[in-house]
Amino acid sequence: MSETVTKHKVATITYVIKGEDGSTIEQNDVPVEYVHGTGSDLLPALELAIDGHKVGDIVTVTIPPDEAFGDYEPDLTFTDSIDNVPEDFRHVGAKAEFTNEQGEVKTFVVTSIDNDEVILDGNHPLAGETIRFDVTIHAIRDASEQEIANKEPSQVGALDIIEPVSGTQH
């Protein structure tokens, strides 16, 4: 009997993320690893869908916004005069970190510059989107005690993406 993805196993995967319209948002053909069942950076709904699968399986799961990157929050979008923005942040894609009174840090991205106004957005780029993952499982192995404690594989290729917005983990 071949191994299955269960708690404290390191799974090696590749994946494609697709939008509601079926278009490819992101594709990773370079295998990455994560430690299953330890609260890794993998979306909980995605990890649940992978649970119990074997090497060679292709797992397809559709995840709504509330289980992925959250709903789009219009109040996390700000417009300001370009004159109030430092030169380093006067281009689309620039990232600025802001800290609120509680000490929480939030990253905002310049999404457009129109008519001498800069628009900053603090939403995750996939906020409000229902997304589909097509995950291929390439390998499964036992995690070491250190990997379980660290919640990540100790080898190169560890999964460092697909992290949900805070507050959406179950």
N, C-alpha and C. Protein backbone atom coordinates (compact mmCIF):
# COMPACT_ATOMS: atom_id res chain seq x y z
N MET A 1 0.85 -1.19 0.00
CA MET A 1 0.00 0.00 0.00
C MET A 1 0.88 1.24 0.00
N SER A 2 0.59 2.19 -0.89
CA SER A 2 1.41 3.39 -0.95
C SER A 2 0.99 4.37 0.14
N GLU A 3 1.92 5.25 0.46
CA GLU A 3 1.67 6.23 1.52
C GLU A 3 0.61 7.24 1.10
N THR A 4 -0.08 7.76 2.08
CA THR A 4 -1.06 8.81 1.84
C THR A 4 -0.65 10.06 2.62
N VAL A 5 -1.16 11.18 2.18
CA VAL A 5 -0.91 12.44 2.86
C VAL A 5 -1.72 12.45 4.15
N THR A 6 -1.03 12.43 5.27
CA THR A 6 -1.65 12.50 6.59
C THR A 6 -0.80 13.40 7.48
N LYS A 7 -1.29 13.62 8.69
CA LYS A 7 -0.61 14.49 9.64
C LYS A 7 0.84 14.04 9.82
N HIS A 8 1.74 15.02 9.82
CA HIS A 8 3.18 14.86 10.04
C HIS A 8 3.88 14.18 8.88
N LYS A 9 3.29 14.26 7.71
CA LYS A 9 3.96 13.83 6.48
C LYS A 9 4.38 15.08 5.72
N VAL A 10 5.52 14.98 5.04
CA VAL A 10 5.93 16.05 4.13
C VAL A 10 5.42 15.67 2.75
N ALA A 11 4.61 16.53 2.18
CA ALA A 11 4.08 16.30 0.84
C ALA A 11 4.80 17.22 -0.13
N THR A 12 5.17 16.67 -1.27
CA THR A 12 5.79 17.45 -2.35
C THR A 12 4.75 17.61 -3.44
N ILE A 13 4.46 18.87 -3.77
CA ILE A 13 3.37 19.17 -4.70
C ILE A 13 3.78 20.19 -5.76
N THR A 14 3.04 20.20 -6.85
CA THR A 14 3.01 21.31 -7.80
C THR A 14 1.55 21.74 -7.88
N TYR A 15 1.29 22.94 -8.38
CA TYR A 15 -0.09 23.42 -8.38
C TYR A 15 -0.34 24.46 -9.46
N VAL A 16 -1.61 24.59 -9.78
CA VAL A 16 -2.11 25.66 -10.65
C VAL A 16 -3.26 26.31 -9.89
N ILE A 17 -3.28 27.64 -9.86
CA ILE A 17 -4.39 28.38 -9.27
C ILE A 17 -5.16 29.02 -10.42
N LYS A 18 -6.46 28.80 -10.43
CA LYS A 18 -7.30 29.35 -11.49
C LYS A 18 -8.39 30.22 -10.88
N GLY A 19 -8.79 31.24 -11.63
CA GLY A 19 -9.87 32.12 -11.21
C GLY A 19 -11.22 31.53 -11.56
N GLU A 20 -12.26 32.24 -11.17
CA GLU A 20 -13.63 31.77 -11.43
C GLU A 20 -13.90 31.57 -12.91
N ASP A 21 -13.24 32.35 -13.75
CA ASP A 21 -13.45 32.24 -15.20
C ASP A 21 -12.60 31.15 -15.84
N GLY A 22 -11.82 30.44 -15.02
CA GLY A 22 -10.99 29.35 -15.53
C GLY A 22 -9.61 29.77 -15.98
N SER A 23 -9.33 31.07 -15.94
CA SER A 23 -8.01 31.54 -16.37
C SER A 23 -6.97 31.22 -15.29
N THR A 24 -5.75 30.94 -15.73
CA THR A 24 -4.67 30.62 -14.81
C THR A 24 -4.15 31.89 -14.16
N ILE A 25 -4.16 31.90 -12.84
CA ILE A 25 -3.65 33.03 -12.06
C ILE A 25 -2.18 32.81 -11.73
N GLU A 26 -1.88 31.58 -11.33
CA GLU A 26 -0.50 31.24 -10.96
C GLU A 26 -0.30 29.76 -11.25
N GLN A 27 0.91 29.43 -11.71
CA GLN A 27 1.25 28.04 -11.94
C GLN A 27 2.65 27.80 -11.42
N ASN A 28 2.82 26.75 -10.62
CA ASN A 28 4.13 26.40 -10.09
C ASN A 28 4.44 24.96 -10.47
N ASP A 29 5.34 24.81 -11.45
CA ASP A 29 5.74 23.48 -11.91
C ASP A 29 6.99 22.98 -11.18
N VAL A 30 7.56 23.82 -10.33
CA VAL A 30 8.70 23.41 -9.52
C VAL A 30 8.15 22.84 -8.22
N PRO A 31 8.41 21.56 -7.95
CA PRO A 31 7.83 20.96 -6.73
C PRO A 31 8.23 21.70 -5.46
N VAL A 32 7.23 21.87 -4.59
CA VAL A 32 7.44 22.50 -3.29
C VAL A 32 6.93 21.54 -2.21
N GLU A 33 7.42 21.71 -1.01
CA GLU A 33 7.05 20.83 0.10
C GLU A 33 6.37 21.61 1.21
N TYR A 34 5.54 20.90 1.96
CA TYR A 34 4.96 21.45 3.18
C TYR A 34 4.74 20.29 4.15
N VAL A 35 4.66 20.61 5.44
CA VAL A 35 4.40 19.60 6.46
C VAL A 35 2.90 19.59 6.72
N HIS A 36 2.27 18.47 6.42
CA HIS A 36 0.82 18.34 6.50
C HIS A 36 0.36 18.24 7.97
N GLY A 37 -0.73 18.96 8.27
CA GLY A 37 -1.36 18.85 9.57
C GLY A 37 -0.68 19.57 10.71
N THR A 38 0.15 20.55 10.40
CA THR A 38 0.87 21.27 11.46
C THR A 38 0.55 22.76 11.49
N GLY A 39 -0.43 23.18 10.70
CA GLY A 39 -0.73 24.61 10.65
C GLY A 39 0.26 25.35 9.79
N SER A 40 0.70 24.73 8.71
CA SER A 40 1.65 25.36 7.79
C SER A 40 0.98 26.54 7.11
N ASP A 41 1.67 27.14 6.16
CA ASP A 41 1.13 28.29 5.44
C ASP A 41 0.08 27.91 4.40
N LEU A 42 -0.16 26.64 4.22
CA LEU A 42 -1.15 26.20 3.24
C LEU A 42 -2.55 26.58 3.71
N LEU A 43 -3.39 26.99 2.79
CA LEU A 43 -4.78 27.29 3.15
C LEU A 43 -5.41 26.05 3.78
N PRO A 44 -6.09 26.21 4.91
CA PRO A 44 -6.70 25.05 5.57
C PRO A 44 -7.63 24.24 4.66
N ALA A 45 -8.42 24.91 3.83
CA ALA A 45 -9.33 24.20 2.92
C ALA A 45 -8.56 23.38 1.89
N LEU A 46 -7.43 23.90 1.46
CA LEU A 46 -6.59 23.18 0.50
C LEU A 46 -5.95 21.97 1.18
N GLU A 47 -5.44 22.18 2.38
CA GLU A 47 -4.82 21.08 3.12
C GLU A 47 -5.84 19.97 3.39
N LEU A 48 -7.05 20.33 3.74
CA LEU A 48 -8.11 19.35 3.98
C LEU A 48 -8.40 18.53 2.71
N ALA A 49 -8.40 19.20 1.56
CA ALA A 49 -8.68 18.52 0.30
C ALA A 49 -7.57 17.54 -0.08
N ILE A 50 -6.33 17.85 0.28
CA ILE A 50 -5.19 17.00 -0.05
C ILE A 50 -5.10 15.80 0.88
N ASP A 51 -5.63 15.93 2.08
CA ASP A 51 -5.55 14.88 3.10
C ASP A 51 -6.06 13.54 2.54
N GLY A 52 -5.27 12.48 2.75
CA GLY A 52 -5.67 11.14 2.36
C GLY A 52 -5.33 10.77 0.92
N HIS A 53 -4.77 11.70 0.16
CA HIS A 53 -4.42 11.40 -1.23
C HIS A 53 -3.02 10.78 -1.33
N LYS A 54 -2.74 10.19 -2.49
CA LYS A 54 -1.50 9.45 -2.72
C LYS A 54 -0.66 10.10 -3.80
N VAL A 55 0.59 9.66 -3.91
CA VAL A 55 1.49 10.13 -4.96
C VAL A 55 0.83 9.86 -6.31
N GLY A 56 0.88 10.86 -7.17
CA GLY A 56 0.28 10.76 -8.50
C GLY A 56 -1.12 11.31 -8.58
N ASP A 57 -1.78 11.48 -7.43
CA ASP A 57 -3.13 12.03 -7.43
C ASP A 57 -3.11 13.50 -7.83
N ILE A 58 -4.15 13.90 -8.55
CA ILE A 58 -4.38 15.31 -8.85
C ILE A 58 -5.63 15.70 -8.09
N VAL A 59 -5.47 16.67 -7.20
CA VAL A 59 -6.56 17.10 -6.34
C VAL A 59 -7.05 18.45 -6.83
N THR A 60 -8.34 18.54 -7.10
CA THR A 60 -8.95 19.79 -7.53
C THR A 60 -9.91 20.24 -6.46
N VAL A 61 -9.75 21.49 -6.02
CA VAL A 61 -10.62 22.02 -4.98
C VAL A 61 -10.91 23.49 -5.29
N THR A 62 -12.18 23.86 -5.15
CA THR A 62 -12.60 25.25 -5.32
C THR A 62 -12.82 25.83 -3.93
N ILE A 63 -12.22 26.99 -3.71
CA ILE A 63 -12.24 27.59 -2.37
C ILE A 63 -12.86 29.00 -2.45
N PRO A 64 -13.92 29.24 -1.67
CA PRO A 64 -14.55 30.56 -1.67
C PRO A 64 -13.68 31.58 -0.92
N PRO A 65 -13.95 32.86 -1.13
CA PRO A 65 -13.13 33.91 -0.50
C PRO A 65 -12.98 33.78 1.01
N ASP A 66 -14.05 33.42 1.72
CA ASP A 66 -13.97 33.38 3.18
C ASP A 66 -13.07 32.25 3.68
N GLU A 67 -12.69 31.30 2.83
CA GLU A 67 -11.77 30.24 3.21
C GLU A 67 -10.42 30.40 2.52
N ALA A 68 -10.28 31.47 1.75
CA ALA A 68 -9.03 31.69 1.01
C ALA A 68 -8.39 32.99 1.46
N PHE A 69 -8.60 34.04 0.69
CA PHE A 69 -7.90 35.30 0.95
C PHE A 69 -8.82 36.41 1.44
N GLY A 70 -10.00 36.04 1.90
CA GLY A 70 -10.93 36.99 2.50
C GLY A 70 -11.75 37.74 1.47
N ASP A 71 -12.74 38.44 1.97
CA ASP A 71 -13.57 39.28 1.11
C ASP A 71 -12.81 40.56 0.77
N TYR A 72 -13.14 41.15 -0.36
CA TYR A 72 -12.54 42.42 -0.74
C TYR A 72 -13.12 43.50 0.16
N GLU A 73 -12.25 44.28 0.80
CA GLU A 73 -12.69 45.33 1.72
C GLU A 73 -12.39 46.70 1.11
N PRO A 74 -13.41 47.40 0.62
CA PRO A 74 -13.19 48.71 0.00
C PRO A 74 -12.49 49.71 0.93
N ASP A 75 -12.70 49.56 2.25
CA ASP A 75 -12.08 50.51 3.19
C ASP A 75 -10.57 50.29 3.32
N LEU A 76 -10.02 49.29 2.64
CA LEU A 76 -8.57 49.10 2.60
C LEU A 76 -7.95 49.69 1.34
N THR A 77 -8.73 50.52 0.63
CA THR A 77 -8.25 51.21 -0.56
C THR A 77 -8.24 52.70 -0.27
N PHE A 78 -7.10 53.32 -0.56
CA PHE A 78 -6.94 54.75 -0.27
C PHE A 78 -6.42 55.48 -1.50
N THR A 79 -6.87 56.71 -1.66
CA THR A 79 -6.40 57.57 -2.73
C THR A 79 -5.77 58.80 -2.11
N ASP A 80 -4.60 59.17 -2.64
CA ASP A 80 -3.91 60.36 -2.12
C ASP A 80 -3.23 61.08 -3.28
N SER A 81 -2.97 62.35 -3.09
CA SER A 81 -2.26 63.13 -4.09
C SER A 81 -0.84 62.59 -4.24
N ILE A 82 -0.38 62.53 -5.46
CA ILE A 82 0.97 62.03 -5.70
C ILE A 82 2.02 62.89 -4.99
N ASP A 83 1.69 64.15 -4.74
CA ASP A 83 2.61 65.05 -4.04
C ASP A 83 2.83 64.63 -2.59
N ASN A 84 1.91 63.87 -2.02
CA ASN A 84 2.03 63.41 -0.63
C ASN A 84 2.73 62.06 -0.52
N VAL A 85 3.12 61.50 -1.66
CA VAL A 85 3.72 60.17 -1.68
C VAL A 85 5.21 60.29 -1.98
N PRO A 86 6.06 59.66 -1.16
CA PRO A 86 7.50 59.70 -1.44
C PRO A 86 7.82 59.14 -2.83
N GLU A 87 8.86 59.66 -3.44
CA GLU A 87 9.26 59.26 -4.80
C GLU A 87 9.37 57.75 -4.97
N ASP A 88 9.90 57.06 -3.96
CA ASP A 88 10.09 55.60 -4.06
C ASP A 88 8.80 54.83 -4.26
N PHE A 89 7.67 55.46 -3.94
CA PHE A 89 6.38 54.77 -4.01
C PHE A 89 5.49 55.30 -5.13
N ARG A 90 6.08 56.01 -6.06
CA ARG A 90 5.30 56.60 -7.15
C ARG A 90 5.30 55.73 -8.41
N HIS A 91 5.11 54.43 -8.21
CA HIS A 91 4.98 53.54 -9.36
C HIS A 91 4.07 52.37 -9.00
N VAL A 92 3.36 51.88 -9.98
CA VAL A 92 2.44 50.76 -9.78
C VAL A 92 3.25 49.54 -9.32
N GLY A 93 2.77 48.89 -8.28
CA GLY A 93 3.45 47.72 -7.73
C GLY A 93 4.28 48.02 -6.50
N ALA A 94 4.51 49.30 -6.22
CA ALA A 94 5.29 49.67 -5.03
C ALA A 94 4.53 49.23 -3.78
N LYS A 95 5.26 48.73 -2.80
CA LYS A 95 4.65 48.27 -1.56
C LYS A 95 5.07 49.16 -0.40
N ALA A 96 4.08 49.57 0.39
CA ALA A 96 4.34 50.41 1.56
C ALA A 96 3.71 49.75 2.78
N GLU A 97 4.44 49.75 3.87
CA GLU A 97 3.92 49.18 5.12
C GLU A 97 3.49 50.30 6.05
N PHE A 98 2.31 50.09 6.66
CA PHE A 98 1.77 51.04 7.60
C PHE A 98 1.46 50.32 8.91
N THR A 99 1.63 51.03 10.03
CA THR A 99 1.37 50.46 11.35
C THR A 99 0.24 51.24 12.00
N ASN A 100 -0.76 50.51 12.52
CA ASN A 100 -1.87 51.19 13.20
C ASN A 100 -1.56 51.39 14.68
N GLU A 101 -2.52 51.95 15.43
CA GLU A 101 -2.31 52.25 16.85
C GLU A 101 -2.08 50.99 17.68
N GLN A 102 -2.56 49.84 17.22
CA GLN A 102 -2.38 48.58 17.95
C GLN A 102 -1.05 47.90 17.61
N GLY A 103 -0.27 48.53 16.74
CA GLY A 103 1.03 47.97 16.37
C GLY A 103 0.97 46.96 15.25
N GLU A 104 -0.21 46.78 14.65
CA GLU A 104 -0.36 45.84 13.54
C GLU A 104 0.18 46.48 12.26
N VAL A 105 0.95 45.68 11.52
CA VAL A 105 1.54 46.17 10.28
C VAL A 105 0.74 45.63 9.10
N LYS A 106 0.41 46.50 8.16
CA LYS A 106 -0.35 46.12 6.97
C LYS A 106 0.38 46.63 5.74
N THR A 107 0.51 45.78 4.74
CA THR A 107 1.17 46.17 3.50
C THR A 107 0.12 46.63 2.49
N PHE A 108 0.39 47.77 1.89
CA PHE A 108 -0.46 48.31 0.84
C PHE A 108 0.35 48.37 -0.45
N VAL A 109 -0.33 48.14 -1.57
CA VAL A 109 0.33 48.15 -2.87
C VAL A 109 -0.25 49.27 -3.72
N VAL A 110 0.62 49.99 -4.42
CA VAL A 110 0.15 51.02 -5.35
C VAL A 110 -0.44 50.27 -6.55
N THR A 111 -1.75 50.41 -6.75
CA THR A 111 -2.41 49.69 -7.84
C THR A 111 -2.62 50.53 -9.08
N SER A 112 -2.63 51.86 -8.91
CA SER A 112 -2.72 52.73 -10.09
C SER A 112 -2.34 54.15 -9.71
N ILE A 113 -1.98 54.89 -10.74
CA ILE A 113 -1.70 56.32 -10.61
C ILE A 113 -2.47 57.00 -11.72
N ASP A 114 -3.46 57.81 -11.33
CA ASP A 114 -4.32 58.48 -12.30
C ASP A 114 -4.49 59.93 -11.90
N ASN A 115 -4.37 60.84 -12.87
CA ASN A 115 -4.61 62.26 -12.65
C ASN A 115 -3.92 62.77 -11.39
N ASP A 116 -2.64 62.46 -11.24
CA ASP A 116 -1.83 62.89 -10.10
C ASP A 116 -2.33 62.36 -8.77
N GLU A 117 -3.06 61.26 -8.79
CA GLU A 117 -3.50 60.60 -7.57
C GLU A 117 -2.98 59.17 -7.55
N VAL A 118 -2.55 58.74 -6.38
CA VAL A 118 -2.04 57.39 -6.19
C VAL A 118 -3.10 56.59 -5.45
N ILE A 119 -3.37 55.39 -5.94
CA ILE A 119 -4.33 54.51 -5.28
C ILE A 119 -3.56 53.35 -4.65
N LEU A 120 -3.74 53.21 -3.32
CA LEU A 120 -3.11 52.14 -2.56
C LEU A 120 -4.18 51.15 -2.12
N ASP A 121 -3.85 49.86 -2.19
CA ASP A 121 -4.81 48.82 -1.84
C ASP A 121 -4.17 47.86 -0.84
N GLY A 122 -4.82 47.68 0.30
CA GLY A 122 -4.32 46.78 1.34
C GLY A 122 -4.93 45.39 1.28
N ASN A 123 -5.79 45.13 0.30
CA ASN A 123 -6.38 43.81 0.14
C ASN A 123 -5.37 42.86 -0.51
N HIS A 124 -5.49 41.58 -0.20
CA HIS A 124 -4.71 40.57 -0.90
C HIS A 124 -5.15 40.62 -2.37
N PRO A 125 -4.25 40.40 -3.33
CA PRO A 125 -4.64 40.46 -4.74
C PRO A 125 -5.79 39.52 -5.11
N LEU A 126 -5.98 38.44 -4.35
CA LEU A 126 -7.06 37.49 -4.65
C LEU A 126 -8.25 37.64 -3.69
N ALA A 127 -8.29 38.72 -2.92
CA ALA A 127 -9.41 38.96 -2.01
C ALA A 127 -10.70 39.04 -2.82
N GLY A 128 -11.74 38.41 -2.30
CA GLY A 128 -13.04 38.43 -2.95
C GLY A 128 -13.19 37.43 -4.08
N GLU A 129 -12.13 36.67 -4.37
CA GLU A 129 -12.15 35.72 -5.48
C GLU A 129 -12.41 34.30 -4.99
N THR A 130 -13.23 33.59 -5.72
CA THR A 130 -13.34 32.15 -5.54
C THR A 130 -12.27 31.56 -6.45
N ILE A 131 -11.39 30.75 -5.88
CA ILE A 131 -10.27 30.24 -6.66
C ILE A 131 -10.28 28.71 -6.69
N ARG A 132 -9.69 28.17 -7.74
CA ARG A 132 -9.59 26.72 -7.88
C ARG A 132 -8.12 26.33 -7.89
N PHE A 133 -7.80 25.34 -7.08
CA PHE A 133 -6.46 24.77 -7.07
C PHE A 133 -6.50 23.41 -7.75
N ASP A 134 -5.54 23.17 -8.63
CA ASP A 134 -5.27 21.84 -9.17
C ASP A 134 -3.90 21.47 -8.64
N VAL A 135 -3.86 20.53 -7.70
CA VAL A 135 -2.61 20.15 -7.02
C VAL A 135 -2.23 18.74 -7.43
N THR A 136 -0.97 18.56 -7.84
CA THR A 136 -0.45 17.23 -8.14
C THR A 136 0.50 16.83 -7.03
N ILE A 137 0.30 15.65 -6.48
CA ILE A 137 1.16 15.14 -5.40
C ILE A 137 2.28 14.32 -6.02
N HIS A 138 3.52 14.72 -5.75
CA HIS A 138 4.69 14.07 -6.35
C HIS A 138 5.42 13.13 -5.39
N ALA A 139 5.40 13.42 -4.11
CA ALA A 139 6.11 12.58 -3.14
C ALA A 139 5.51 12.79 -1.76
N ILE A 140 5.66 11.76 -0.92
CA ILE A 140 5.21 11.82 0.47
C ILE A 140 6.27 11.12 1.31
N ARG A 141 6.63 11.75 2.41
CA ARG A 141 7.60 11.13 3.33
C ARG A 141 7.27 11.54 4.76
N ASP A 142 7.83 10.81 5.72
CA ASP A 142 7.66 11.18 7.12
C ASP A 142 8.41 12.47 7.40
N ALA A 143 7.81 13.35 8.18
CA ALA A 143 8.49 14.58 8.61
C ALA A 143 9.36 14.26 9.82
N SER A 144 10.49 14.95 9.93
CA SER A 144 11.33 14.80 11.11
C SER A 144 10.71 15.54 12.28
N GLU A 145 11.19 15.26 13.48
CA GLU A 145 10.67 15.98 14.66
C GLU A 145 10.91 17.47 14.52
N GLN A 146 12.06 17.85 13.98
CA GLN A 146 12.37 19.27 13.79
C GLN A 146 11.41 19.91 12.78
N GLU A 147 11.12 19.20 11.70
CA GLU A 147 10.19 19.74 10.70
C GLU A 147 8.79 19.91 11.29
N ILE A 148 8.37 18.96 12.11
CA ILE A 148 7.06 19.06 12.76
C ILE A 148 7.05 20.26 13.71
N ALA A 149 8.09 20.41 14.49
CA ALA A 149 8.17 21.53 15.44
C ALA A 149 8.20 22.88 14.72
N ASN A 150 8.93 22.94 13.60
CA ASN A 150 9.06 24.19 12.84
C ASN A 150 7.89 24.44 11.89
N LYS A 151 7.06 23.41 11.70
CA LYS A 151 5.91 23.49 10.80
C LYS A 151 6.31 23.74 9.36
N GLU A 152 7.54 23.35 9.02
CA GLU A 152 8.00 23.50 7.64
C GLU A 152 9.13 22.52 7.36
N PRO A 153 9.24 22.09 6.11
CA PRO A 153 10.33 21.18 5.75
C PRO A 153 11.67 21.87 5.91
N SER A 154 12.69 21.09 6.21
CA SER A 154 14.01 21.68 6.39
C SER A 154 14.77 21.74 5.08
N GLN A 155 14.22 21.19 4.03
CA GLN A 155 14.90 21.15 2.74
C GLN A 155 14.51 22.34 1.88
N VAL A 156 15.35 22.61 0.87
CA VAL A 156 15.06 23.66 -0.10
C VAL A 156 13.80 23.27 -0.84
N GLY A 157 12.98 24.25 -1.18
CA GLY A 157 11.74 23.98 -1.89
C GLY A 157 10.53 23.98 -0.98
N ALA A 158 10.74 24.38 0.27
CA ALA A 158 9.62 24.43 1.21
C ALA A 158 8.60 25.45 0.73
N LEU A 159 7.36 25.15 0.99
CA LEU A 159 6.26 26.01 0.57
C LEU A 159 6.25 27.29 1.39
N ASP A 160 6.32 28.43 0.72
CA ASP A 160 6.29 29.69 1.44
C ASP A 160 5.24 30.63 0.86
N ILE A 161 4.27 30.06 0.19
CA ILE A 161 3.21 30.87 -0.39
C ILE A 161 1.86 30.25 -0.05
N ILE A 162 0.85 30.78 -0.66
CA ILE A 162 -0.52 30.31 -0.46
C ILE A 162 -0.96 30.55 0.98
N GLU A 163 -0.41 31.55 1.60
CA GLU A 163 -0.77 31.85 2.99
C GLU A 163 -2.06 32.64 3.01
N PRO A 164 -3.01 32.27 3.85
CA PRO A 164 -4.28 32.99 3.91
C PRO A 164 -4.13 34.32 4.64
N VAL A 165 -5.14 35.14 4.48
CA VAL A 165 -5.16 36.38 5.25
C VAL A 165 -5.36 36.00 6.71
N SER A 166 -4.88 36.83 7.61
CA SER A 166 -5.03 36.51 9.02
C SER A 166 -6.51 36.46 9.38
N GLY A 167 -6.82 35.54 10.26
CA GLY A 167 -8.20 35.41 10.71
C GLY A 167 -9.00 34.41 9.92
N THR A 168 -8.44 33.83 8.83
CA THR A 168 -9.22 32.87 8.06
C THR A 168 -8.82 31.44 8.34
N GLN A 169 -7.78 31.23 9.15
CA GLN A 169 -7.40 29.86 9.47
C GLN A 169 -8.37 29.29 10.48
N HIS A 170 -8.64 28.00 10.37
CA HIS A 170 -9.60 27.34 11.26
C HIS A 170 -8.86 26.49 12.25
